[in-house]
Amino acid sequence: MEQAQRAYRERPARPVLAALAAGAGGVVVLGDPGAGKSSLARYLMLALAAEELGAGDGVAEELPGDLAGRLPLVVELRKFADPQWADADFFDFLDDR
């Protein structure tokens, strides 16, 4: 276990959008409440939207090519888990947004 922890700590840091692009086929972001998961999702959505709109400065410059052309859509599952959606499907939930 110590060896795995040491290997994890010794890995080089990389920009968050590059890390997300590396797992473009699917990424799971885990963290404690308040750790920034929703902020990360919104940041990614902003970066994708800025790239799509052709914004030439700011966050769009950091967007890795693997993420270009993706549809920015953030769905907070805690809202979908609300009891009002118990008898509905996910598409009903999206239609309401």
PDB file of N, CA and C in Angstrom:
ATOM      1  N   MET A   1       0.817  -1.182   0.000  1.00  0.00           N
ATOM      2  CA  MET A   1       0.000   0.000   0.000  1.00  0.00           C
ATOM      3  C   MET A   1       0.871   1.260   0.000  1.00  0.00           C
ATOM      4  N   GLU A   2       1.935   1.246   0.797  1.00  0.00           N
ATOM      5  CA  GLU A   2       2.834   2.395   0.853  1.00  0.00           C
ATOM      6  C   GLU A   2       3.477   2.667  -0.502  1.00  0.00           C
ATOM      7  N   GLN A   3       3.828   1.602  -1.202  1.00  0.00           N
ATOM      8  CA  GLN A   3       4.434   1.758  -2.517  1.00  0.00           C
ATOM      9  C   GLN A   3       3.448   2.397  -3.495  1.00  0.00           C
ATOM     10  N   ALA A   4       2.193   1.979  -3.450  1.00  0.00           N
ATOM     11  CA  ALA A   4       1.170   2.557  -4.325  1.00  0.00           C
ATOM     12  C   ALA A   4       0.947   4.036  -3.996  1.00  0.00           C
ATOM     13  N   GLN A   5       0.910   4.374  -2.712  1.00  0.00           N
ATOM     14  CA  GLN A   5       0.743   5.763  -2.312  1.00  0.00           C
ATOM     15  C   GLN A   5       1.929   6.614  -2.770  1.00  0.00           C
ATOM     16  N   ARG A   6       3.128   6.091  -2.632  1.00  0.00           N
ATOM     17  CA  ARG A   6       4.321   6.822  -3.043  1.00  0.00           C
ATOM     18  C   ARG A   6       4.309   7.041  -4.560  1.00  0.00           C
ATOM     19  N   ALA A   7       3.946   6.008  -5.314  1.00  0.00           N
ATOM     20  CA  ALA A   7       3.885   6.137  -6.776  1.00  0.00           C
ATOM     21  C   ALA A   7       2.848   7.177  -7.182  1.00  0.00           C
ATOM     22  N   TYR A   8       1.725   7.203  -6.476  1.00  0.00           N
ATOM     23  CA  TYR A   8       0.682   8.186  -6.762  1.00  0.00           C
ATOM     24  C   TYR A   8       1.186   9.606  -6.510  1.00  0.00           C
ATOM     25  N   ARG A   9       1.853   9.809  -5.388  1.00  0.00           N
ATOM     26  CA  ARG A   9       2.362  11.145  -5.034  1.00  0.00           C
ATOM     27  C   ARG A   9       3.470  11.617  -5.957  1.00  0.00           C
ATOM     28  N   GLU A  10       4.215  10.696  -6.530  1.00  0.00           N
ATOM     29  CA  GLU A  10       5.347  11.047  -7.380  1.00  0.00           C
ATOM     30  C   GLU A  10       4.955  11.316  -8.830  1.00  0.00           C
ATOM     31  N   ARG A  11       3.720  11.031  -9.182  1.00  0.00           N
ATOM     32  CA  ARG A  11       3.281  11.308 -10.552  1.00  0.00           C
ATOM     33  C   ARG A  11       3.317  12.810 -10.796  1.00  0.00           C
ATOM     34  N   PRO A  12       3.705  13.229 -11.998  1.00  0.00           N
ATOM     35  CA  PRO A  12       3.753  14.668 -12.273  1.00  0.00           C
ATOM     36  C   PRO A  12       2.337  15.250 -12.349  1.00  0.00           C
ATOM     37  N   ALA A  13       2.209  16.485 -11.905  1.00  0.00           N
ATOM     38  CA  ALA A  13       0.927  17.181 -12.004  1.00  0.00           C
ATOM     39  C   ALA A  13       0.672  17.538 -13.467  1.00  0.00           C
ATOM     40  N   ARG A  14      -0.587  17.571 -13.852  1.00  0.00           N
ATOM     41  CA  ARG A  14      -0.939  17.989 -15.213  1.00  0.00           C
ATOM     42  C   ARG A  14      -2.221  18.799 -15.154  1.00  0.00           C
ATOM     43  N   PRO A  15      -2.453  19.619 -16.151  1.00  0.00           N
ATOM     44  CA  PRO A  15      -3.666  20.444 -16.149  1.00  0.00           C
ATOM     45  C   PRO A  15      -4.923  19.578 -16.108  1.00  0.00           C
ATOM     46  N   VAL A  16      -5.931  20.053 -15.424  1.00  0.00           N
ATOM     47  CA  VAL A  16      -7.140  19.260 -15.226  1.00  0.00           C
ATOM     48  C   VAL A  16      -7.827  18.922 -16.552  1.00  0.00           C
ATOM     49  N   LEU A  17      -7.845  19.842 -17.503  1.00  0.00           N
ATOM     50  CA  LEU A  17      -8.490  19.542 -18.785  1.00  0.00           C
ATOM     51  C   LEU A  17      -7.716  18.471 -19.550  1.00  0.00           C
ATOM     52  N   ALA A  18      -6.405  18.440 -19.406  1.00  0.00           N
ATOM     53  CA  ALA A  18      -5.609  17.379 -20.037  1.00  0.00           C
ATOM     54  C   ALA A  18      -5.914  16.031 -19.396  1.00  0.00           C
ATOM     55  N   ALA A  19      -6.097  16.015 -18.083  1.00  0.00           N
ATOM     56  CA  ALA A  19      -6.441  14.776 -17.393  1.00  0.00           C
ATOM     57  C   ALA A  19      -7.814  14.277 -17.832  1.00  0.00           C
ATOM     58  N   LEU A  20      -8.761  15.187 -17.988  1.00  0.00           N
ATOM     59  CA  LEU A  20     -10.094  14.797 -18.453  1.00  0.00           C
ATOM     60  C   LEU A  20     -10.047  14.311 -19.895  1.00  0.00           C
ATOM     61  N   ALA A  21      -9.225  14.946 -20.722  1.00  0.00           N
ATOM     62  CA  ALA A  21      -9.110  14.531 -22.122  1.00  0.00           C
ATOM     63  C   ALA A  21      -8.508  13.138 -22.236  1.00  0.00           C
ATOM     64  N   ALA A  22      -7.599  12.799 -21.339  1.00  0.00           N
ATOM     65  CA  ALA A  22      -6.969  11.479 -21.373  1.00  0.00           C
ATOM     66  C   ALA A  22      -7.989  10.378 -21.143  1.00  0.00           C
ATOM     67  N   GLY A  23      -9.059  10.692 -20.438  1.00  0.00           N
ATOM     68  CA  GLY A  23     -10.115   9.717 -20.194  1.00  0.00           C
ATOM     69  C   GLY A  23     -11.378  10.074 -20.947  1.00  0.00           C
ATOM     70  N   ALA A  24     -11.245  10.613 -22.150  1.00  0.00           N
ATOM     71  CA  ALA A  24     -12.388  11.126 -22.905  1.00  0.00           C
ATOM     72  C   ALA A  24     -13.460  10.068 -23.161  1.00  0.00           C
ATOM     73  N   GLY A  25     -13.114   8.799 -23.080  1.00  0.00           N
ATOM     74  CA  GLY A  25     -14.110   7.756 -23.250  1.00  0.00           C
ATOM     75  C   GLY A  25     -15.023   7.613 -22.049  1.00  0.00           C
ATOM     76  N   GLY A  26     -14.617   8.157 -20.933  1.00  0.00           N
ATOM     77  CA  GLY A  26     -15.400   8.115 -19.715  1.00  0.00           C
ATOM     78  C   GLY A  26     -14.537   8.455 -18.520  1.00  0.00           C
ATOM     79  N   VAL A  27     -15.027   9.323 -17.694  1.00  0.00           N
ATOM     80  CA  VAL A  27     -14.284   9.766 -16.517  1.00  0.00           C
ATOM     81  C   VAL A  27     -15.233   9.792 -15.331  1.00  0.00           C
ATOM     82  N   VAL A  28     -14.759   9.326 -14.203  1.00  0.00           N
ATOM     83  CA  VAL A  28     -15.506   9.421 -12.957  1.00  0.00           C
ATOM     84  C   VAL A  28     -14.719  10.332 -12.035  1.00  0.00           C
ATOM     85  N   VAL A  29     -15.378  11.368 -11.540  1.00  0.00           N
ATOM     86  CA  VAL A  29     -14.729  12.302 -10.628  1.00  0.00           C
ATOM     87  C   VAL A  29     -15.297  12.060  -9.240  1.00  0.00           C
ATOM     88  N   LEU A  30     -14.437  11.681  -8.318  1.00  0.00           N
ATOM     89  CA  LEU A  30     -14.842  11.403  -6.954  1.00  0.00           C
ATOM     90  C   LEU A  30     -14.258  12.451  -6.021  1.00  0.00           C
ATOM     91  N   GLY A  31     -14.951  12.732  -4.947  1.00  0.00           N
ATOM     92  CA  GLY A  31     -14.428  13.667  -3.963  1.00  0.00           C
ATOM     93  C   GLY A  31     -15.431  13.905  -2.860  1.00  0.00           C
ATOM     94  N   ASP A  32     -14.933  14.401  -1.763  1.00  0.00           N
ATOM     95  CA  ASP A  32     -15.787  14.737  -0.634  1.00  0.00           C
ATOM     96  C   ASP A  32     -16.689  15.919  -0.991  1.00  0.00           C
ATOM     97  N   PRO A  33     -17.777  16.098  -0.219  1.00  0.00           N
ATOM     98  CA  PRO A  33     -18.610  17.283  -0.439  1.00  0.00           C
ATOM     99  C   PRO A  33     -17.763  18.551  -0.316  1.00  0.00           C
ATOM    100  N   GLY A  34     -17.943  19.446  -1.270  1.00  0.00           N
ATOM    101  CA  GLY A  34     -17.207  20.700  -1.249  1.00  0.00           C
ATOM    102  C   GLY A  34     -15.822  20.619  -1.860  1.00  0.00           C
ATOM    103  N   ALA A  35     -15.461  19.470  -2.420  1.00  0.00           N
ATOM    104  CA  ALA A  35     -14.120  19.299  -2.986  1.00  0.00           C
ATOM    105  C   ALA A  35     -13.965  19.956  -4.350  1.00  0.00           C
ATOM    106  N   GLY A  36     -15.080  20.332  -4.994  1.00  0.00           N
ATOM    107  CA  GLY A  36     -14.999  21.026  -6.272  1.00  0.00           C
ATOM    108  C   GLY A  36     -15.460  20.229  -7.474  1.00  0.00           C
ATOM    109  N   LYS A  37     -16.181  19.136  -7.266  1.00  0.00           N
ATOM    110  CA  LYS A  37     -16.645  18.317  -8.391  1.00  0.00           C
ATOM    111  C   LYS A  37     -17.579  19.108  -9.302  1.00  0.00           C
ATOM    112  N   SER A  38     -18.562  19.795  -8.727  1.00  0.00           N
ATOM    113  CA  SER A  38     -19.491  20.590  -9.538  1.00  0.00           C
ATOM    114  C   SER A  38     -18.778  21.768 -10.187  1.00  0.00           C
ATOM    115  N   SER A  39     -17.851  22.373  -9.476  1.00  0.00           N
ATOM    116  CA  SER A  39     -17.073  23.480 -10.059  1.00  0.00           C
ATOM    117  C   SER A  39     -16.259  22.994 -11.243  1.00  0.00           C
ATOM    118  N   LEU A  40     -15.676  21.812 -11.133  1.00  0.00           N
ATOM    119  CA  LEU A  40     -14.927  21.232 -12.242  1.00  0.00           C
ATOM    120  C   LEU A  40     -15.841  20.991 -13.438  1.00  0.00           C
ATOM    121  N   ALA A  41     -17.021  20.459 -13.193  1.00  0.00           N
ATOM    122  CA  ALA A  41     -17.968  20.203 -14.287  1.00  0.00           C
ATOM    123  C   ALA A  41     -18.363  21.506 -14.979  1.00  0.00           C
ATOM    124  N   ARG A  42     -18.589  22.541 -14.204  1.00  0.00           N
ATOM    125  CA  ARG A  42     -18.945  23.838 -14.790  1.00  0.00           C
ATOM    126  C   ARG A  42     -17.768  24.453 -15.546  1.00  0.00           C
ATOM    127  N   TYR A  43     -16.564  24.282 -15.025  1.00  0.00           N
ATOM    128  CA  TYR A  43     -15.366  24.778 -15.706  1.00  0.00           C
ATOM    129  C   TYR A  43     -15.200  24.081 -17.059  1.00  0.00           C
ATOM    130  N   LEU A  44     -15.388  22.775 -17.073  1.00  0.00           N
ATOM    131  CA  LEU A  44     -15.299  22.029 -18.319  1.00  0.00           C
ATOM    132  C   LEU A  44     -16.372  22.494 -19.288  1.00  0.00           C
ATOM    133  N   MET A  45     -17.589  22.689 -18.793  1.00  0.00           N
ATOM    134  CA  MET A  45     -18.674  23.156 -19.651  1.00  0.00           C
ATOM    135  C   MET A  45     -18.337  24.527 -20.247  1.00  0.00           C
ATOM    136  N   LEU A  46     -17.790  25.428 -19.438  1.00  0.00           N
ATOM    137  CA  LEU A  46     -17.395  26.749 -19.906  1.00  0.00           C
ATOM    138  C   LEU A  46     -16.292  26.646 -20.959  1.00  0.00           C
ATOM    139  N   ALA A  47     -15.313  25.782 -20.731  1.00  0.00           N
ATOM    140  CA  ALA A  47     -14.221  25.609 -21.690  1.00  0.00           C
ATOM    141  C   ALA A  47     -14.741  25.077 -23.021  1.00  0.00           C
ATOM    142  N   LEU A  48     -15.647  24.119 -22.978  1.00  0.00           N
ATOM    143  CA  LEU A  48     -16.217  23.560 -24.207  1.00  0.00           C
ATOM    144  C   LEU A  48     -17.058  24.594 -24.944  1.00  0.00           C
ATOM    145  N   ALA A  49     -17.850  25.357 -24.207  1.00  0.00           N
ATOM    146  CA  ALA A  49     -18.684  26.384 -24.830  1.00  0.00           C
ATOM    147  C   ALA A  49     -17.816  27.481 -25.438  1.00  0.00           C
ATOM    148  N   ALA A  50     -16.764  27.895 -24.732  1.00  0.00           N
ATOM    149  CA  ALA A  50     -15.873  28.936 -25.244  1.00  0.00           C
ATOM    150  C   ALA A  50     -15.186  28.472 -26.520  1.00  0.00           C
ATOM    151  N   GLU A  51     -14.794  27.221 -26.557  1.00  0.00           N
ATOM    152  CA  GLU A  51     -14.144  26.675 -27.753  1.00  0.00           C
ATOM    153  C   GLU A  51     -15.124  26.653 -28.914  1.00  0.00           C
ATOM    154  N   GLU A  52     -16.351  26.254 -28.641  1.00  0.00           N
ATOM    155  CA  GLU A  52     -17.375  26.178 -29.684  1.00  0.00           C
ATOM    156  C   GLU A  52     -17.703  27.560 -30.244  1.00  0.00           C
ATOM    157  N   LEU A  53     -17.707  28.561 -29.372  1.00  0.00           N
ATOM    158  CA  LEU A  53     -18.023  29.923 -29.797  1.00  0.00           C
ATOM    159  C   LEU A  53     -16.831  30.633 -30.424  1.00  0.00           C
ATOM    160  N   GLY A  54     -15.675  29.992 -30.387  1.00  0.00           N
ATOM    161  CA  GLY A  54     -14.490  30.580 -30.991  1.00  0.00           C
ATOM    162  C   GLY A  54     -13.862  31.675 -30.163  1.00  0.00           C
ATOM    163  N   ALA A  55     -14.100  31.660 -28.859  1.00  0.00           N
ATOM    164  CA  ALA A  55     -13.467  32.648 -27.992  1.00  0.00           C
ATOM    165  C   ALA A  55     -11.964  32.424 -28.064  1.00  0.00           C
ATOM    166  N   GLY A  56     -11.223  33.450 -28.446  1.00  0.00           N
ATOM    167  CA  GLY A  56      -9.802  33.292 -28.686  1.00  0.00           C
ATOM    168  C   GLY A  56      -8.921  33.448 -27.471  1.00  0.00           C
ATOM    169  N   ASP A  57      -9.503  33.725 -26.327  1.00  0.00           N
ATOM    170  CA  ASP A  57      -8.652  33.920 -25.156  1.00  0.00           C
ATOM    171  C   ASP A  57      -9.261  33.212 -23.952  1.00  0.00           C
ATOM    172  N   GLY A  58      -8.541  33.205 -22.882  1.00  0.00           N
ATOM    173  CA  GLY A  58      -9.039  32.607 -21.646  1.00  0.00           C
ATOM    174  C   GLY A  58      -8.955  31.099 -21.655  1.00  0.00           C
ATOM    175  N   VAL A  59      -9.968  30.485 -21.111  1.00  0.00           N
ATOM    176  CA  VAL A  59      -9.954  29.046 -20.882  1.00  0.00           C
ATOM    177  C   VAL A  59      -9.928  28.235 -22.174  1.00  0.00           C
ATOM    178  N   ALA A  60     -10.460  28.787 -23.283  1.00  0.00           N
ATOM    179  CA  ALA A  60     -10.529  28.026 -24.530  1.00  0.00           C
ATOM    180  C   ALA A  60      -9.145  27.623 -25.027  1.00  0.00           C
ATOM    181  N   GLU A  61      -8.113  28.399 -24.736  1.00  0.00           N
ATOM    182  CA  GLU A  61      -6.774  28.066 -25.196  1.00  0.00           C
ATOM    183  C   GLU A  61      -6.244  26.801 -24.521  1.00  0.00           C
ATOM    184  N   GLU A  62      -6.743  26.488 -23.345  1.00  0.00           N
ATOM    185  CA  GLU A  62      -6.257  25.339 -22.607  1.00  0.00           C
ATOM    186  C   GLU A  62      -6.939  24.039 -23.025  1.00  0.00           C
ATOM    187  N   LEU A  63      -7.954  24.099 -23.854  1.00  0.00           N
ATOM    188  CA  LEU A  63      -8.746  22.924 -24.196  1.00  0.00           C
ATOM    189  C   LEU A  63      -7.953  21.962 -25.082  1.00  0.00           C
ATOM    190  N   PRO A  64      -7.685  20.760 -24.601  1.00  0.00           N
ATOM    191  CA  PRO A  64      -6.979  19.768 -25.423  1.00  0.00           C
ATOM    192  C   PRO A  64      -7.828  19.354 -26.615  1.00  0.00           C
ATOM    193  N   GLY A  65      -7.162  19.015 -27.701  1.00  0.00           N
ATOM    194  CA  GLY A  65      -7.861  18.640 -28.926  1.00  0.00           C
ATOM    195  C   GLY A  65      -8.814  17.472 -28.761  1.00  0.00           C
ATOM    196  N   ASP A  66      -8.524  16.556 -27.835  1.00  0.00           N
ATOM    197  CA  ASP A  66      -9.389  15.390 -27.627  1.00  0.00           C
ATOM    198  C   ASP A  66     -10.770  15.784 -27.120  1.00  0.00           C
ATOM    199  N   LEU A  67     -10.888  16.971 -26.537  1.00  0.00           N
ATOM    200  CA  LEU A  67     -12.175  17.420 -26.012  1.00  0.00           C
ATOM    201  C   LEU A  67     -12.939  18.311 -26.994  1.00  0.00           C
ATOM    202  N   ALA A  68     -12.278  18.790 -28.016  1.00  0.00           N
ATOM    203  CA  ALA A  68     -12.901  19.713 -28.965  1.00  0.00           C
ATOM    204  C   ALA A  68     -14.130  19.076 -29.605  1.00  0.00           C
ATOM    205  N   GLY A  69     -15.151  19.876 -29.775  1.00  0.00           N
ATOM    206  CA  GLY A  69     -16.360  19.426 -30.441  1.00  0.00           C
ATOM    207  C   GLY A  69     -17.328  18.659 -29.561  1.00  0.00           C
ATOM    208  N   ARG A  70     -17.041  18.509 -28.307  1.00  0.00           N
ATOM    209  CA  ARG A  70     -17.944  17.802 -27.382  1.00  0.00           C
ATOM    210  C   ARG A  70     -19.070  18.733 -26.958  1.00  0.00           C
ATOM    211  N   LEU A  71     -20.206  18.164 -26.638  1.00  0.00           N
ATOM    212  CA  LEU A  71     -21.361  18.924 -26.184  1.00  0.00           C
ATOM    213  C   LEU A  71     -21.270  19.176 -24.692  1.00  0.00           C
ATOM    214  N   PRO A  72     -21.241  20.453 -24.285  1.00  0.00           N
ATOM    215  CA  PRO A  72     -21.189  20.734 -22.839  1.00  0.00           C
ATOM    216  C   PRO A  72     -22.565  20.583 -22.203  1.00  0.00           C
ATOM    217  N   LEU A  73     -22.689  19.626 -21.328  1.00  0.00           N
ATOM    218  CA  LEU A  73     -23.951  19.359 -20.645  1.00  0.00           C
ATOM    219  C   LEU A  73     -23.629  18.910 -19.223  1.00  0.00           C
ATOM    220  N   VAL A  74     -24.128  19.649 -18.248  1.00  0.00           N
ATOM    221  CA  VAL A  74     -23.909  19.291 -16.847  1.00  0.00           C
ATOM    222  C   VAL A  74     -25.244  18.871 -16.251  1.00  0.00           C
ATOM    223  N   VAL A  75     -25.280  17.687 -15.697  1.00  0.00           N
ATOM    224  CA  VAL A  75     -26.468  17.175 -15.031  1.00  0.00           C
ATOM    225  C   VAL A  75     -26.064  16.817 -13.611  1.00  0.00           C
ATOM    226  N   GLU A  76     -26.641  17.516 -12.656  1.00  0.00           N
ATOM    227  CA  GLU A  76     -26.330  17.216 -11.255  1.00  0.00           C
ATOM    228  C   GLU A  76     -27.259  16.101 -10.793  1.00  0.00           C
ATOM    229  N   LEU A  77     -26.695  14.938 -10.563  1.00  0.00           N
ATOM    230  CA  LEU A  77     -27.490  13.755 -10.244  1.00  0.00           C
ATOM    231  C   LEU A  77     -28.238  13.895  -8.930  1.00  0.00           C
ATOM    232  N   ARG A  78     -27.750  14.750  -8.019  1.00  0.00           N
ATOM    233  CA  ARG A  78     -28.482  14.944  -6.764  1.00  0.00           C
ATOM    234  C   ARG A  78     -29.857  15.542  -7.038  1.00  0.00           C
ATOM    235  N   LYS A  79     -29.987  16.321  -8.117  1.00  0.00           N
ATOM    236  CA  LYS A  79     -31.300  16.868  -8.476  1.00  0.00           C
ATOM    237  C   LYS A  79     -32.183  15.784  -9.085  1.00  0.00           C
ATOM    238  N   PHE A  80     -31.589  14.900  -9.886  1.00  0.00           N
ATOM    239  CA  PHE A  80     -32.341  13.796 -10.477  1.00  0.00           C
ATOM    240  C   PHE A  80     -32.770  12.798  -9.409  1.00  0.00           C
ATOM    241  N   ALA A  81     -32.035  12.712  -8.310  1.00  0.00           N
ATOM    242  CA  ALA A  81     -32.364  11.784  -7.221  1.00  0.00           C
ATOM    243  C   ALA A  81     -33.506  12.295  -6.354  1.00  0.00           C
ATOM    244  N   ASP A  82     -33.960  13.511  -6.595  1.00  0.00           N
ATOM    245  CA  ASP A  82     -35.071  14.077  -5.825  1.00  0.00           C
ATOM    246  C   ASP A  82     -36.308  13.193  -5.994  1.00  0.00           C
ATOM    247  N   PRO A  83     -37.098  13.005  -4.936  1.00  0.00           N
ATOM    248  CA  PRO A  83     -38.276  12.129  -5.004  1.00  0.00           C
ATOM    249  C   PRO A  83     -39.276  12.491  -6.103  1.00  0.00           C
ATOM    250  N   GLN A  84     -39.310  13.745  -6.530  1.00  0.00           N
ATOM    251  CA  GLN A  84     -40.277  14.126  -7.575  1.00  0.00           C
ATOM    252  C   GLN A  84     -40.005  13.406  -8.894  1.00  0.00           C
ATOM    253  N   TRP A  85     -38.802  12.852  -9.076  1.00  0.00           N
ATOM    254  CA  TRP A  85     -38.456  12.149 -10.301  1.00  0.00           C
ATOM    255  C   TRP A  85     -38.507  10.635 -10.143  1.00  0.00           C
ATOM    256  N   ALA A  86     -39.051  10.142  -9.051  1.00  0.00           N
ATOM    257  CA  ALA A  86     -39.067   8.707  -8.770  1.00  0.00           C
ATOM    258  C   ALA A  86     -39.782   7.907  -9.857  1.00  0.00           C
ATOM    259  N   ASP A  87     -40.848   8.438 -10.421  1.00  0.00           N
ATOM    260  CA  ASP A  87     -41.624   7.711 -11.437  1.00  0.00           C
ATOM    261  C   ASP A  87     -41.335   8.201 -12.849  1.00  0.00           C
ATOM    262  N   ALA A  88     -40.308   9.009 -13.014  1.00  0.00           N
ATOM    263  CA  ALA A  88     -39.958   9.551 -14.323  1.00  0.00           C
ATOM    264  C   ALA A  88     -38.639   8.944 -14.786  1.00  0.00           C
ATOM    265  N   ASP A  89     -38.364   9.097 -16.068  1.00  0.00           N
ATOM    266  CA  ASP A  89     -37.061   8.634 -16.551  1.00  0.00           C
ATOM    267  C   ASP A  89     -36.139   9.835 -16.764  1.00  0.00           C
ATOM    268  N   PHE A  90     -34.921   9.552 -17.132  1.00  0.00           N
ATOM    269  CA  PHE A  90     -33.907  10.592 -17.245  1.00  0.00           C
ATOM    270  C   PHE A  90     -34.272  11.612 -18.324  1.00  0.00           C
ATOM    271  N   PHE A  91     -34.910  11.175 -19.389  1.00  0.00           N
ATOM    272  CA  PHE A  91     -35.275  12.104 -20.459  1.00  0.00           C
ATOM    273  C   PHE A  91     -36.370  13.067 -20.006  1.00  0.00           C
ATOM    274  N   ASP A  92     -37.274  12.613 -19.156  1.00  0.00           N
ATOM    275  CA  ASP A  92     -38.265  13.524 -18.571  1.00  0.00           C
ATOM    276  C   ASP A  92     -37.559  14.603 -17.750  1.00  0.00           C
ATOM    277  N   PHE A  93     -36.565  14.172 -17.005  1.00  0.00           N
ATOM    278  CA  PHE A  93     -35.786  15.113 -16.195  1.00  0.00           C
ATOM    279  C   PHE A  93     -35.093  16.142 -17.093  1.00  0.00           C
ATOM    280  N   LEU A  94     -34.472  15.696 -18.175  1.00  0.00           N
ATOM    281  CA  LEU A  94     -33.786  16.618 -19.085  1.00  0.00           C
ATOM    282  C   LEU A  94     -34.770  17.580 -19.750  1.00  0.00           C
ATOM    283  N   ASP A  95     -35.952  17.078 -20.115  1.00  0.00           N
ATOM    284  CA  ASP A  95     -36.962  17.937 -20.731  1.00  0.00           C
ATOM    285  C   ASP A  95     -37.392  19.054 -19.805  1.00  0.00           C
ATOM    286  N   ASP A  96     -37.352  18.811 -18.513  1.00  0.00           N
ATOM    287  CA  ASP A  96     -37.772  19.804 -17.529  1.00  0.00           C
ATOM    288  C   ASP A  96     -36.717  20.880 -17.320  1.00  0.00           C
ATOM    289  N   ARG A  97     -35.496  20.616 -17.662  1.00  0.00           N
ATOM    290  CA  ARG A  97     -34.396  21.568 -17.430  1.00  0.00           C
ATOM    291  C   ARG A  97     -34.413  22.620 -18.448  1.00  0.00           C
TER     292      ARG A  97
END
